Amino acid sequence: MNKPVIIVGNGGHAAVITEILIEQNRSILGFTAPEKQKNEFGLIYLGTDENIESYDPKEIEIVNCVGSINIPEKRRDIFHCYKSKGYSFVTVKHPSAIISSSVELGEGVHVMAGAIIQTGSIVNENTILNTAVSIDHHCHIAEHCHLAPRVTLSGNVRVGKVSHIGVGSTVIQNIQIGSYVMIGAGSLIIRNVRDCHRAYGVPAKEVK
């Protein structure tokens, strides 16, 4: 039986996730945010994130809807903070997503509308696969990543933790992208990208 959920965040990604949860008839207790805000679905403002701790971790689940474009570590830190206190995170899958039966999805992964994940791929915890992302066979995406809309990974690509791949980027087969990497929108990645670097352009060039 599904537990009631609390949504962390109130931005654009939270709106999309909220709509999916409503369509799936999930019970939503409300949302948290740094200050009181209106919610377009009429959800109740529950206060700041700290108020989550007034709920028994055995009785609720959390949906981490904090984005990762500007401060990717924030999304990671929320996940680690509440996991350490015994809370669980909801894995959200849009009904139009196509996911091979051999794919492994970690806790708290969000798979958005039109995404495709092919055979043998692994997507680790707290990662966002945004609208129309295409992941081919045997890719491995580490925890706390964000693949923006229409990103394409060819087969056997590796993406390190807390990395962001920008809108419409393409990664050819067998490429390794390091941890804490930022790939600019529309980039073509034909070479490996080292940890803590940025890459952008067609073909992409790596910068510190």
N, C-alpha and C. Protein backbone atom coordinates (compact mmCIF):
# COMPACT_ATOMS: atom_id res chain seq x y z
N MET A 1 0.84 -1.20 0.00
CA MET A 1 0.00 0.00 0.00
C MET A 1 0.88 1.25 0.00
N ASN A 2 0.53 2.20 -0.89
CA ASN A 2 1.30 3.43 -0.98
C ASN A 2 1.06 4.31 0.24
N LYS A 3 2.14 4.90 0.75
CA LYS A 3 2.04 5.81 1.87
C LYS A 3 1.77 7.23 1.37
N PRO A 4 1.20 8.10 2.20
CA PRO A 4 1.08 9.52 1.83
C PRO A 4 2.47 10.10 1.60
N VAL A 5 2.54 11.13 0.76
CA VAL A 5 3.84 11.70 0.41
C VAL A 5 3.89 13.19 0.76
N ILE A 6 5.12 13.65 1.01
CA ILE A 6 5.41 15.07 1.16
C ILE A 6 6.34 15.46 0.02
N ILE A 7 6.00 16.54 -0.67
CA ILE A 7 6.81 17.03 -1.78
C ILE A 7 7.76 18.10 -1.27
N VAL A 8 9.04 17.94 -1.55
CA VAL A 8 10.03 18.93 -1.20
C VAL A 8 10.28 19.82 -2.42
N GLY A 9 9.90 21.09 -2.31
CA GLY A 9 10.06 22.02 -3.42
C GLY A 9 8.73 22.44 -3.99
N ASN A 10 8.75 23.57 -4.71
CA ASN A 10 7.50 24.12 -5.26
C ASN A 10 7.75 24.80 -6.60
N GLY A 11 8.80 24.37 -7.31
CA GLY A 11 9.12 24.96 -8.61
C GLY A 11 8.52 24.18 -9.76
N GLY A 12 9.10 24.37 -10.94
CA GLY A 12 8.57 23.75 -12.14
C GLY A 12 8.63 22.23 -12.10
N HIS A 13 9.75 21.68 -11.65
CA HIS A 13 9.85 20.22 -11.59
C HIS A 13 8.83 19.66 -10.59
N ALA A 14 8.65 20.36 -9.48
CA ALA A 14 7.66 19.92 -8.50
C ALA A 14 6.25 19.89 -9.10
N ALA A 15 5.95 20.87 -9.95
CA ALA A 15 4.63 20.91 -10.58
C ALA A 15 4.40 19.70 -11.48
N VAL A 16 5.41 19.36 -12.27
CA VAL A 16 5.28 18.22 -13.18
C VAL A 16 5.12 16.93 -12.37
N ILE A 17 5.93 16.76 -11.35
CA ILE A 17 5.85 15.55 -10.52
C ILE A 17 4.51 15.48 -9.79
N THR A 18 4.04 16.62 -9.28
CA THR A 18 2.75 16.65 -8.59
C THR A 18 1.64 16.16 -9.50
N GLU A 19 1.65 16.62 -10.73
CA GLU A 19 0.61 16.21 -11.67
C GLU A 19 0.64 14.71 -11.91
N ILE A 20 1.83 14.14 -12.04
CA ILE A 20 1.95 12.68 -12.20
C ILE A 20 1.38 11.96 -10.99
N LEU A 21 1.73 12.43 -9.80
CA LEU A 21 1.26 11.77 -8.58
C LEU A 21 -0.25 11.85 -8.44
N ILE A 22 -0.81 13.00 -8.80
CA ILE A 22 -2.28 13.15 -8.75
C ILE A 22 -2.95 12.16 -9.70
N GLU A 23 -2.40 12.04 -10.91
CA GLU A 23 -2.97 11.12 -11.89
C GLU A 23 -2.83 9.67 -11.44
N GLN A 24 -1.84 9.40 -10.59
CA GLN A 24 -1.65 8.05 -10.05
C GLN A 24 -2.37 7.84 -8.72
N ASN A 25 -3.19 8.83 -8.35
CA ASN A 25 -4.02 8.76 -7.15
C ASN A 25 -3.21 8.61 -5.87
N ARG A 26 -2.00 9.21 -5.85
CA ARG A 26 -1.21 9.23 -4.62
C ARG A 26 -1.75 10.29 -3.68
N SER A 27 -1.74 9.97 -2.40
CA SER A 27 -2.16 10.92 -1.37
C SER A 27 -1.00 11.87 -1.06
N ILE A 28 -1.21 13.17 -1.26
CA ILE A 28 -0.17 14.18 -1.05
C ILE A 28 -0.54 15.02 0.18
N LEU A 29 0.29 14.97 1.20
CA LEU A 29 0.01 15.72 2.42
C LEU A 29 0.24 17.21 2.24
N GLY A 30 1.20 17.57 1.37
CA GLY A 30 1.52 18.97 1.15
C GLY A 30 2.95 19.08 0.66
N PHE A 31 3.47 20.32 0.71
CA PHE A 31 4.83 20.55 0.21
C PHE A 31 5.61 21.41 1.19
N THR A 32 6.93 21.32 1.11
CA THR A 32 7.81 22.18 1.90
C THR A 32 8.57 23.11 0.97
N ALA A 33 8.93 24.27 1.50
CA ALA A 33 9.69 25.28 0.75
C ALA A 33 10.29 26.25 1.76
N PRO A 34 11.32 27.01 1.36
CA PRO A 34 11.96 27.92 2.30
C PRO A 34 11.03 28.96 2.91
N GLU A 35 9.98 29.33 2.19
CA GLU A 35 9.00 30.29 2.72
C GLU A 35 7.62 29.94 2.17
N LYS A 36 6.59 30.49 2.80
CA LYS A 36 5.23 30.16 2.40
C LYS A 36 4.95 30.67 1.00
N GLN A 37 4.38 29.79 0.19
CA GLN A 37 4.10 30.09 -1.21
C GLN A 37 2.76 29.50 -1.60
N LYS A 38 2.19 30.04 -2.69
CA LYS A 38 1.01 29.42 -3.27
C LYS A 38 1.44 28.21 -4.09
N ASN A 39 0.54 27.27 -4.22
CA ASN A 39 0.79 26.08 -5.01
C ASN A 39 -0.31 25.97 -6.06
N GLU A 40 0.09 25.73 -7.31
CA GLU A 40 -0.89 25.77 -8.40
C GLU A 40 -1.91 24.63 -8.33
N PHE A 41 -1.61 23.60 -7.53
CA PHE A 41 -2.55 22.50 -7.36
C PHE A 41 -3.31 22.60 -6.04
N GLY A 42 -3.08 23.70 -5.32
CA GLY A 42 -3.76 23.90 -4.05
C GLY A 42 -3.23 23.06 -2.91
N LEU A 43 -2.01 22.56 -3.04
CA LEU A 43 -1.42 21.76 -1.96
C LEU A 43 -1.15 22.63 -0.73
N ILE A 44 -1.16 22.01 0.41
CA ILE A 44 -0.93 22.70 1.69
C ILE A 44 0.56 22.96 1.89
N TYR A 45 0.90 24.17 2.31
CA TYR A 45 2.28 24.49 2.67
C TYR A 45 2.54 23.96 4.08
N LEU A 46 3.51 23.08 4.19
CA LEU A 46 3.80 22.42 5.47
C LEU A 46 4.92 23.09 6.24
N GLY A 47 5.54 24.12 5.67
CA GLY A 47 6.65 24.79 6.32
C GLY A 47 7.96 24.46 5.62
N THR A 48 9.05 24.72 6.29
CA THR A 48 10.37 24.42 5.73
C THR A 48 10.64 22.91 5.81
N ASP A 49 11.72 22.49 5.19
CA ASP A 49 12.03 21.07 5.13
C ASP A 49 12.12 20.43 6.52
N GLU A 50 12.56 21.21 7.49
CA GLU A 50 12.73 20.67 8.84
C GLU A 50 11.43 20.11 9.41
N ASN A 51 10.29 20.61 8.93
CA ASN A 51 9.00 20.14 9.45
C ASN A 51 8.68 18.71 9.02
N ILE A 52 9.43 18.19 8.05
CA ILE A 52 9.24 16.78 7.69
C ILE A 52 9.44 15.88 8.89
N GLU A 53 10.35 16.29 9.79
CA GLU A 53 10.70 15.45 10.93
C GLU A 53 9.58 15.33 11.96
N SER A 54 8.50 16.10 11.79
CA SER A 54 7.35 15.93 12.67
C SER A 54 6.49 14.74 12.25
N TYR A 55 6.83 14.13 11.12
CA TYR A 55 6.11 12.96 10.62
C TYR A 55 6.97 11.70 10.82
N ASP A 56 6.31 10.63 11.21
CA ASP A 56 6.99 9.36 11.42
C ASP A 56 7.50 8.84 10.07
N PRO A 57 8.80 8.53 9.96
CA PRO A 57 9.33 8.03 8.68
C PRO A 57 8.71 6.71 8.23
N LYS A 58 8.06 6.00 9.16
CA LYS A 58 7.39 4.76 8.78
C LYS A 58 6.02 5.02 8.15
N GLU A 59 5.54 6.26 8.30
CA GLU A 59 4.17 6.57 7.87
C GLU A 59 4.09 7.37 6.58
N ILE A 60 5.19 7.97 6.14
CA ILE A 60 5.17 8.81 4.94
C ILE A 60 6.34 8.47 4.04
N GLU A 61 6.30 9.01 2.81
CA GLU A 61 7.44 8.99 1.90
C GLU A 61 7.69 10.41 1.40
N ILE A 62 8.90 10.65 0.93
CA ILE A 62 9.29 11.98 0.45
C ILE A 62 9.48 11.94 -1.06
N VAL A 63 9.08 13.02 -1.72
CA VAL A 63 9.36 13.20 -3.14
C VAL A 63 10.28 14.42 -3.27
N ASN A 64 11.51 14.18 -3.68
CA ASN A 64 12.51 15.24 -3.76
C ASN A 64 12.38 15.96 -5.09
N CYS A 65 11.75 17.13 -5.07
CA CYS A 65 11.51 17.88 -6.31
C CYS A 65 12.38 19.12 -6.43
N VAL A 66 13.47 19.16 -5.68
CA VAL A 66 14.44 20.23 -5.84
C VAL A 66 15.22 19.98 -7.12
N GLY A 67 15.37 21.01 -7.95
CA GLY A 67 16.10 20.88 -9.21
C GLY A 67 17.59 20.84 -8.97
N SER A 68 18.35 20.73 -10.07
CA SER A 68 19.80 20.56 -9.92
C SER A 68 20.61 21.45 -10.84
N ILE A 69 19.99 22.39 -11.53
CA ILE A 69 20.72 23.17 -12.53
C ILE A 69 21.73 24.10 -11.88
N ASN A 70 21.31 24.87 -10.90
CA ASN A 70 22.20 25.86 -10.31
C ASN A 70 23.01 25.32 -9.13
N ILE A 71 22.36 24.53 -8.28
CA ILE A 71 23.04 23.99 -7.10
C ILE A 71 22.74 22.49 -7.02
N PRO A 72 23.43 21.66 -7.83
CA PRO A 72 23.10 20.23 -7.81
C PRO A 72 23.32 19.57 -6.47
N GLU A 73 24.24 20.11 -5.65
CA GLU A 73 24.51 19.51 -4.35
C GLU A 73 23.32 19.61 -3.40
N LYS A 74 22.45 20.61 -3.61
CA LYS A 74 21.28 20.79 -2.73
C LYS A 74 20.36 19.58 -2.81
N ARG A 75 20.10 19.12 -4.03
CA ARG A 75 19.25 17.94 -4.20
C ARG A 75 19.88 16.72 -3.54
N ARG A 76 21.19 16.55 -3.73
CA ARG A 76 21.91 15.44 -3.10
C ARG A 76 21.82 15.52 -1.58
N ASP A 77 22.02 16.72 -1.02
CA ASP A 77 22.07 16.87 0.43
C ASP A 77 20.71 16.58 1.07
N ILE A 78 19.62 16.96 0.41
CA ILE A 78 18.29 16.65 0.93
C ILE A 78 18.10 15.13 1.01
N PHE A 79 18.50 14.45 -0.03
CA PHE A 79 18.36 12.99 -0.05
C PHE A 79 19.14 12.35 1.09
N HIS A 80 20.40 12.72 1.23
CA HIS A 80 21.23 12.12 2.27
C HIS A 80 20.73 12.46 3.67
N CYS A 81 20.29 13.71 3.85
CA CYS A 81 19.82 14.16 5.16
C CYS A 81 18.66 13.30 5.66
N TYR A 82 17.65 13.10 4.81
CA TYR A 82 16.45 12.40 5.28
C TYR A 82 16.58 10.89 5.20
N LYS A 83 17.44 10.38 4.31
CA LYS A 83 17.73 8.95 4.35
C LYS A 83 18.39 8.58 5.68
N SER A 84 19.29 9.45 6.15
CA SER A 84 19.99 9.16 7.41
C SER A 84 19.04 9.16 8.60
N LYS A 85 17.86 9.76 8.43
CA LYS A 85 16.88 9.81 9.51
C LYS A 85 15.77 8.78 9.33
N GLY A 86 15.94 7.89 8.36
CA GLY A 86 15.03 6.77 8.21
C GLY A 86 13.90 6.96 7.22
N TYR A 87 13.90 8.08 6.47
CA TYR A 87 12.83 8.34 5.51
C TYR A 87 13.14 7.66 4.17
N SER A 88 12.08 7.39 3.42
CA SER A 88 12.20 6.79 2.09
C SER A 88 11.73 7.78 1.03
N PHE A 89 12.28 7.63 -0.17
CA PHE A 89 11.96 8.53 -1.27
C PHE A 89 11.22 7.77 -2.37
N VAL A 90 10.24 8.45 -2.96
CA VAL A 90 9.41 7.84 -3.99
C VAL A 90 10.14 7.85 -5.34
N THR A 91 10.12 6.72 -6.01
CA THR A 91 10.55 6.64 -7.40
C THR A 91 9.32 6.91 -8.27
N VAL A 92 9.42 7.93 -9.11
CA VAL A 92 8.27 8.38 -9.91
C VAL A 92 8.52 8.06 -11.38
N LYS A 93 7.56 7.38 -12.02
CA LYS A 93 7.68 7.04 -13.43
C LYS A 93 6.42 7.51 -14.16
N HIS A 94 6.62 8.37 -15.16
CA HIS A 94 5.48 8.79 -15.97
C HIS A 94 4.96 7.59 -16.76
N PRO A 95 3.66 7.44 -16.91
CA PRO A 95 3.12 6.26 -17.60
C PRO A 95 3.54 6.13 -19.06
N SER A 96 3.96 7.24 -19.68
CA SER A 96 4.38 7.16 -21.08
C SER A 96 5.84 6.76 -21.25
N ALA A 97 6.59 6.68 -20.17
CA ALA A 97 7.99 6.26 -20.25
C ALA A 97 8.07 4.79 -20.66
N ILE A 98 9.10 4.47 -21.45
CA ILE A 98 9.33 3.10 -21.90
C ILE A 98 10.60 2.60 -21.21
N ILE A 99 10.46 1.63 -20.34
CA ILE A 99 11.57 1.16 -19.51
C ILE A 99 11.71 -0.35 -19.68
N SER A 100 12.86 -0.80 -20.16
CA SER A 100 13.10 -2.22 -20.32
C SER A 100 12.94 -2.95 -18.98
N SER A 101 12.49 -4.19 -19.05
CA SER A 101 12.31 -4.97 -17.83
C SER A 101 13.63 -5.29 -17.13
N SER A 102 14.75 -5.15 -17.84
CA SER A 102 16.05 -5.43 -17.24
C SER A 102 16.72 -4.20 -16.64
N VAL A 103 16.06 -3.05 -16.71
CA VAL A 103 16.62 -1.80 -16.17
C VAL A 103 16.51 -1.81 -14.65
N GLU A 104 17.52 -1.25 -13.99
CA GLU A 104 17.51 -1.08 -12.54
C GLU A 104 17.37 0.40 -12.22
N LEU A 105 16.35 0.76 -11.47
CA LEU A 105 16.12 2.14 -11.04
C LEU A 105 16.32 2.23 -9.54
N GLY A 106 17.15 3.18 -9.10
CA GLY A 106 17.38 3.38 -7.68
C GLY A 106 16.26 4.15 -7.01
N GLU A 107 16.33 4.23 -5.71
CA GLU A 107 15.32 4.93 -4.92
C GLU A 107 15.30 6.42 -5.26
N GLY A 108 14.10 6.95 -5.41
CA GLY A 108 13.95 8.38 -5.63
C GLY A 108 14.23 8.86 -7.04
N VAL A 109 14.39 7.94 -7.99
CA VAL A 109 14.60 8.32 -9.39
C VAL A 109 13.29 8.87 -9.97
N HIS A 110 13.41 9.91 -10.82
CA HIS A 110 12.26 10.45 -11.53
C HIS A 110 12.45 10.21 -13.02
N VAL A 111 11.51 9.49 -13.64
CA VAL A 111 11.54 9.23 -15.08
C VAL A 111 10.35 9.95 -15.69
N MET A 112 10.64 10.94 -16.52
CA MET A 112 9.59 11.83 -16.99
C MET A 112 8.96 11.37 -18.31
N ALA A 113 8.00 12.11 -18.79
CA ALA A 113 7.20 11.73 -19.96
C ALA A 113 8.08 11.49 -21.18
N GLY A 114 7.81 10.39 -21.87
CA GLY A 114 8.47 10.11 -23.13
C GLY A 114 9.88 9.58 -23.02
N ALA A 115 10.38 9.37 -21.81
CA ALA A 115 11.73 8.84 -21.66
C ALA A 115 11.79 7.37 -22.10
N ILE A 116 12.96 6.97 -22.61
CA ILE A 116 13.20 5.59 -23.03
C ILE A 116 14.48 5.12 -22.37
N ILE A 117 14.42 3.97 -21.69
CA ILE A 117 15.60 3.39 -21.06
C ILE A 117 15.72 1.95 -21.54
N GLN A 118 16.84 1.65 -22.20
CA GLN A 118 16.98 0.36 -22.85
C GLN A 118 17.71 -0.67 -21.99
N THR A 119 17.81 -1.84 -22.54
CA THR A 119 18.28 -3.07 -21.89
C THR A 119 19.56 -2.89 -21.07
N GLY A 120 19.53 -3.41 -19.86
CA GLY A 120 20.72 -3.52 -19.04
C GLY A 120 21.22 -2.24 -18.42
N SER A 121 20.47 -1.15 -18.55
CA SER A 121 20.91 0.13 -18.00
C SER A 121 20.61 0.20 -16.50
N ILE A 122 21.43 0.98 -15.80
CA ILE A 122 21.28 1.18 -14.36
C ILE A 122 21.23 2.67 -14.08
N VAL A 123 20.20 3.09 -13.36
CA VAL A 123 20.05 4.49 -12.98
C VAL A 123 20.01 4.54 -11.46
N ASN A 124 21.00 5.16 -10.87
CA ASN A 124 21.12 5.14 -9.41
C ASN A 124 20.27 6.23 -8.74
N GLU A 125 20.24 6.16 -7.42
CA GLU A 125 19.31 6.91 -6.59
C GLU A 125 19.30 8.42 -6.85
N ASN A 126 18.09 8.98 -6.73
CA ASN A 126 17.89 10.44 -6.70
C ASN A 126 18.26 11.13 -8.00
N THR A 127 18.22 10.40 -9.10
CA THR A 127 18.54 10.95 -10.42
C THR A 127 17.26 11.33 -11.15
N ILE A 128 17.33 12.41 -11.94
CA ILE A 128 16.21 12.85 -12.77
C ILE A 128 16.52 12.52 -14.23
N LEU A 129 15.62 11.79 -14.88
CA LEU A 129 15.67 11.59 -16.32
C LEU A 129 14.50 12.37 -16.89
N ASN A 130 14.80 13.51 -17.46
CA ASN A 130 13.74 14.45 -17.81
C ASN A 130 13.05 14.08 -19.13
N THR A 131 12.16 14.96 -19.57
CA THR A 131 11.27 14.68 -20.69
C THR A 131 12.01 14.20 -21.93
N ALA A 132 11.57 13.05 -22.47
CA ALA A 132 12.07 12.51 -23.74
C ALA A 132 13.56 12.18 -23.73
N VAL A 133 14.13 11.93 -22.58
CA VAL A 133 15.50 11.42 -22.50
C VAL A 133 15.54 10.03 -23.14
N SER A 134 16.62 9.75 -23.87
CA SER A 134 16.81 8.45 -24.51
C SER A 134 18.12 7.83 -24.04
N ILE A 135 18.02 6.70 -23.37
CA ILE A 135 19.19 6.01 -22.82
C ILE A 135 19.27 4.64 -23.47
N ASP A 136 20.33 4.40 -24.22
CA ASP A 136 20.44 3.12 -24.91
C ASP A 136 21.03 2.06 -23.98
N HIS A 137 21.35 0.91 -24.53
CA HIS A 137 21.66 -0.28 -23.76
C HIS A 137 22.89 -0.14 -22.87
N HIS A 138 22.80 -0.74 -21.70
CA HIS A 138 23.92 -0.92 -20.77
C HIS A 138 24.61 0.38 -20.36
N CYS A 139 23.84 1.44 -20.25
CA CYS A 139 24.37 2.68 -19.67
C CYS A 139 24.33 2.58 -18.15
N HIS A 140 25.20 3.35 -17.51
CA HIS A 140 25.24 3.38 -16.05
C HIS A 140 25.28 4.84 -15.61
N ILE A 141 24.24 5.27 -14.91
CA ILE A 141 24.13 6.65 -14.45
C ILE A 141 24.19 6.64 -12.93
N ALA A 142 25.17 7.34 -12.38
CA ALA A 142 25.37 7.34 -10.94
C ALA A 142 24.32 8.19 -10.23
N GLU A 143 24.43 8.26 -8.92
CA GLU A 143 23.43 8.93 -8.09
C GLU A 143 23.45 10.45 -8.27
N HIS A 144 22.29 11.06 -8.05
CA HIS A 144 22.10 12.51 -7.97
C HIS A 144 22.41 13.24 -9.28
N CYS A 145 22.20 12.57 -10.40
CA CYS A 145 22.42 13.22 -11.70
C CYS A 145 21.12 13.82 -12.23
N HIS A 146 21.26 14.66 -13.24
CA HIS A 146 20.09 15.22 -13.94
C HIS A 146 20.39 15.21 -15.43
N LEU A 147 19.62 14.43 -16.17
CA LEU A 147 19.67 14.46 -17.62
C LEU A 147 18.48 15.30 -18.08
N ALA A 148 18.77 16.44 -18.68
CA ALA A 148 17.74 17.41 -19.06
C ALA A 148 16.94 16.89 -20.26
N PRO A 149 15.85 17.59 -20.62
CA PRO A 149 15.01 17.11 -21.72
C PRO A 149 15.79 16.83 -23.00
N ARG A 150 15.43 15.71 -23.62
CA ARG A 150 15.93 15.27 -24.93
C ARG A 150 17.43 14.98 -24.97
N VAL A 151 18.01 14.67 -23.84
CA VAL A 151 19.38 14.15 -23.82
C VAL A 151 19.36 12.74 -24.41
N THR A 152 20.38 12.42 -25.20
CA THR A 152 20.53 11.09 -25.78
C THR A 152 21.87 10.49 -25.37
N LEU A 153 21.82 9.32 -24.74
CA LEU A 153 23.02 8.55 -24.44
C LEU A 153 23.03 7.32 -25.34
N SER A 154 24.10 7.15 -26.12
CA SER A 154 24.25 5.92 -26.88
C SER A 154 24.66 4.79 -25.94
N GLY A 155 24.89 3.61 -26.49
CA GLY A 155 25.13 2.45 -25.65
C GLY A 155 26.40 2.53 -24.82
N ASN A 156 26.32 1.93 -23.62
CA ASN A 156 27.46 1.73 -22.74
C ASN A 156 28.13 3.04 -22.30
N VAL A 157 27.33 4.05 -22.07
CA VAL A 157 27.84 5.33 -21.54
C VAL A 157 27.83 5.26 -20.02
N ARG A 158 28.84 5.85 -19.40
CA ARG A 158 28.94 5.95 -17.94
C ARG A 158 28.87 7.42 -17.55
N VAL A 159 28.02 7.74 -16.57
CA VAL A 159 27.90 9.11 -16.06
C VAL A 159 28.14 9.07 -14.56
N GLY A 160 29.10 9.86 -14.08
CA GLY A 160 29.44 9.90 -12.67
C GLY A 160 28.43 10.69 -11.85
N LYS A 161 28.57 10.62 -10.54
CA LYS A 161 27.59 11.19 -9.61
C LYS A 161 27.54 12.72 -9.69
N VAL A 162 26.35 13.25 -9.37
CA VAL A 162 26.09 14.70 -9.26
C VAL A 162 26.50 15.43 -10.54
N SER A 163 26.24 14.82 -11.68
CA SER A 163 26.53 15.45 -12.97
C SER A 163 25.24 15.89 -13.64
N HIS A 164 25.37 16.94 -14.47
CA HIS A 164 24.22 17.50 -15.18
C HIS A 164 24.53 17.51 -16.67
N ILE A 165 23.63 16.94 -17.46
CA ILE A 165 23.79 16.94 -18.92
C ILE A 165 22.67 17.81 -19.49
N GLY A 166 23.06 18.87 -20.19
CA GLY A 166 22.12 19.91 -20.60
C GLY A 166 21.18 19.50 -21.73
N VAL A 167 20.15 20.30 -21.91
CA VAL A 167 19.07 20.03 -22.85
C VAL A 167 19.60 19.69 -24.25
N GLY A 168 19.10 18.59 -24.80
CA GLY A 168 19.38 18.24 -26.18
C GLY A 168 20.78 17.75 -26.46
N SER A 169 21.56 17.45 -25.45
CA SER A 169 22.93 16.98 -25.67
C SER A 169 22.93 15.51 -26.10
N THR A 170 23.98 15.14 -26.84
CA THR A 170 24.14 13.78 -27.32
C THR A 170 25.50 13.25 -26.90
N VAL A 171 25.51 12.02 -26.39
CA VAL A 171 26.74 11.37 -25.96
C VAL A 171 26.91 10.09 -26.78
N ILE A 172 28.02 9.98 -27.51
CA ILE A 172 28.20 8.78 -28.33
C ILE A 172 28.56 7.58 -27.47
N GLN A 173 28.60 6.40 -28.09
CA GLN A 173 28.77 5.15 -27.37
C GLN A 173 30.13 5.07 -26.67
N ASN A 174 30.11 4.36 -25.53
CA ASN A 174 31.32 4.01 -24.76
C ASN A 174 32.02 5.20 -24.10
N ILE A 175 31.36 6.33 -24.00
CA ILE A 175 31.95 7.51 -23.37
C ILE A 175 31.81 7.42 -21.85
N GLN A 176 32.80 7.94 -21.14
CA GLN A 176 32.75 8.05 -19.69
C GLN A 176 32.73 9.52 -19.30
N ILE A 177 31.67 9.91 -18.59
CA ILE A 177 31.53 11.27 -18.07
C ILE A 177 31.76 11.20 -16.57
N GLY A 178 32.64 12.03 -16.05
CA GLY A 178 33.02 11.94 -14.65
C GLY A 178 31.96 12.47 -13.70
N SER A 179 32.33 12.56 -12.44
CA SER A 179 31.45 13.09 -11.40
C SER A 179 31.56 14.61 -11.33
N TYR A 180 30.48 15.25 -10.89
CA TYR A 180 30.43 16.71 -10.75
C TYR A 180 30.77 17.41 -12.07
N VAL A 181 30.23 16.86 -13.16
CA VAL A 181 30.45 17.40 -14.50
C VAL A 181 29.21 18.17 -14.93
N MET A 182 29.42 19.26 -15.67
CA MET A 182 28.33 20.02 -16.27
C MET A 182 28.52 20.02 -17.78
N ILE A 183 27.54 19.46 -18.50
CA ILE A 183 27.55 19.44 -19.96
C ILE A 183 26.59 20.51 -20.46
N GLY A 184 27.07 21.42 -21.29
CA GLY A 184 26.23 22.50 -21.80
C GLY A 184 25.15 22.01 -22.75
N ALA A 185 24.07 22.77 -22.84
CA ALA A 185 22.94 22.41 -23.69
C ALA A 185 23.38 22.26 -25.14
N GLY A 186 22.83 21.25 -25.80
CA GLY A 186 23.08 21.04 -27.22
C GLY A 186 24.46 20.53 -27.56
N SER A 187 25.20 20.03 -26.61
CA SER A 187 26.57 19.58 -26.85
C SER A 187 26.61 18.18 -27.47
N LEU A 188 27.70 17.92 -28.18
CA LEU A 188 27.97 16.60 -28.72
C LEU A 188 29.24 16.07 -28.05
N ILE A 189 29.08 15.03 -27.24
CA ILE A 189 30.20 14.50 -26.46
C ILE A 189 30.78 13.29 -27.19
N ILE A 190 32.01 13.46 -27.70
CA ILE A 190 32.67 12.38 -28.44
C ILE A 190 33.96 11.94 -27.74
N ARG A 191 34.28 12.57 -26.61
CA ARG A 191 35.45 12.19 -25.82
C ARG A 191 35.06 12.13 -24.35
N ASN A 192 35.79 11.37 -23.56
CA ASN A 192 35.54 11.30 -22.13
C ASN A 192 35.69 12.67 -21.49
N VAL A 193 34.91 12.90 -20.42
CA VAL A 193 34.96 14.16 -19.68
C VAL A 193 35.39 13.85 -18.25
N ARG A 194 36.42 14.52 -17.79
CA ARG A 194 36.98 14.24 -16.46
C ARG A 194 36.12 14.82 -15.35
N ASP A 195 36.33 14.29 -14.13
CA ASP A 195 35.63 14.79 -12.95
C ASP A 195 35.79 16.30 -12.81
N CYS A 196 34.72 16.95 -12.35
CA CYS A 196 34.76 18.37 -11.96
C CYS A 196 35.11 19.29 -13.13
N HIS A 197 34.77 18.88 -14.35
CA HIS A 197 34.99 19.71 -15.52
C HIS A 197 33.65 20.05 -16.18
N ARG A 198 33.70 21.04 -17.07
CA ARG A 198 32.57 21.38 -17.92
C ARG A 198 32.93 21.04 -19.35
N ALA A 199 31.92 20.77 -20.16
CA ALA A 199 32.13 20.53 -21.57
C ALA A 199 30.94 21.08 -22.35
N TYR A 200 31.23 21.72 -23.47
CA TYR A 200 30.14 22.25 -24.29
C TYR A 200 30.62 22.46 -25.72
N GLY A 201 29.66 22.47 -26.64
CA GLY A 201 29.96 22.71 -28.05
C GLY A 201 29.74 21.46 -28.88
N VAL A 202 29.95 21.64 -30.22
CA VAL A 202 29.77 20.56 -31.20
C VAL A 202 30.99 20.53 -32.11
N PRO A 203 31.90 19.55 -31.91
CA PRO A 203 31.93 18.64 -30.76
C PRO A 203 32.34 19.38 -29.49
N ALA A 204 32.04 18.81 -28.35
CA ALA A 204 32.27 19.50 -27.08
C ALA A 204 33.75 19.57 -26.75
N LYS A 205 34.12 20.68 -26.13
CA LYS A 205 35.47 20.86 -25.59
C LYS A 205 35.38 20.94 -24.08
N GLU A 206 36.35 20.35 -23.42
CA GLU A 206 36.37 20.29 -21.97
C GLU A 206 37.09 21.51 -21.39
N VAL A 207 36.50 22.10 -20.36
CA VAL A 207 37.13 23.23 -19.65
C VAL A 207 37.04 22.96 -18.16
N LYS A 208 37.94 23.55 -17.39
CA LYS A 208 37.96 23.35 -15.94
C LYS A 208 36.80 24.08 -15.31
